[in-house]
Amino acid sequence: MPSAKPAPPGKRTPRNIGGGPARAGEGQASRGTVLMRWPALWILFYLAAMDIGANVFFAYPQDPRNTSPSTVQRYFEYGRSVEGKLSRMTGPTDETSAPIVAIGWLVNDKLPDEGDGRPVVTFYGMSHAKLLVEDIASTDGSLAVRAVAAPLGVPTWSFAAYLHDRKRLHSDVVVLAVMTDTIPLVAATSGTTMYFDGAYPYTWPRYYLADGSLQWVDPPFLSEQGYREFFFDDALWSEYVDWLAEHDPHYDPLLFRGTFLDRSSLVRLLRRSYALATRAARRATIYDDARGFDESAEEITILESIVEEFAQRARRAGSVPMVYIVNSLNTGDRAFRLLHPLLSREEIPFLSSHEICPPNEPGNYLPDSHFVPAKNMELALAMSTLIHEQLDARRPATD
């Protein structure tokens, strides 16, 4: 067999790793060859392609007034940092901001401050209370019912809303709404820390128990105007973030602070997973399905003090205090059982939703956690009856 012809001087012989005939072009390392030798590069390549593709094809609407993004657009946006969300939704005016920016502020001159001669009944709480008010108003024209509400309004926000609102208008009946799912959030001070997905910017005080009495610390701003002043001033905003870090146990810099990583759709997905995990872990320290509420938790003792203080202040102001207990889906009547001893001891009238809408029957609830319309109407009729009973009991007896 003839011997292999030697390569000309100065020319490198192609490597024949497999032992077979050398192929043309094997002397040049192609991009595919490099990627095949380093599988991690393939992974990084596809991750980058997915990241860029999600940002391009499922970009969130730039218009903050657009309240109807697609489900996929919302999915990739949920994990944006709180500051990133606030930057997208907040403009210098209401007309250039998302509608949610204007909702929930304790200092608010947009609420009615005059009665019309009918008994005034005011509910303080979350959207469930607002929907109940709408149904009461549609069926009972003898009452002037109004709602002071915020998205996921927690009991501490509701109590603070009552303290601010009573300066504006006297109510014959005041109703504090308490929902199972928001009780673990009693120590929060803002929608931005309470609910990462929505990042509602409204604020309220941080409540504490000191020497057996209820005390609170106000955040740097309680109004929409104050929020804008702080948000568009770096020094003031830094002051507010420091306040959150000191007073709000739900504040997490990994979720709150905005960075260049907000541009990555994959990082946003990871951040949202982290947010869901930490929220579940925090909730489990206060409530779980097996044991219910931990009555020694700070949030529970604050809640009980809030309800008691609410009733005492309302009575001193000449109002009838009431409590509306919203038992969340699949939580049984645990919120009712938690508050019932206090309500009985303080003789506070109440309506608990579990009496009409058993919490462990999913058919009573809509996907957004509200009651189905028929059940909400039943609750409205029951609440209306209870309100009239309390008003009748206040009227002096006549011969």
Foldseek 3Di string as FASTA:
>chain_A
DDDDDDDDPPDDDQDDVVPDDDDPPSNDQDPVNVCVVPVVVVVVVVLVVVFVVCCVPLPDDQQLQDPDRDPSNLLLQLLAFLLVVCVSADDPDCVRGHVLLQALFLPDPPDDQDDDPAAEEEEFEEVLVVLLQVLLVVPDVRYRYYYRYHHRGAQQSRLSSVVSCCVRYQGQEYEYEHEQVRLLVLQAFAPVLSPSRVSRGAGAWGWAADPNAIDTDGQPDRHSNSVVVQSVDPVSVVVRLVVCVVRGPSDDCLRHDHDPCSSGSVSSNVSVVVVVVVVVVSVVVAADQPPGGDCVDRSNVNSLNSLVVSCVVQVVSNHQYEYEYEYWAPNFCSVCVSCVVSCVVSVHHYDYLCVQPGRPPCQQADPVGHGDVVSSSVVSVVVVVVVVVVVVVPDDDDD
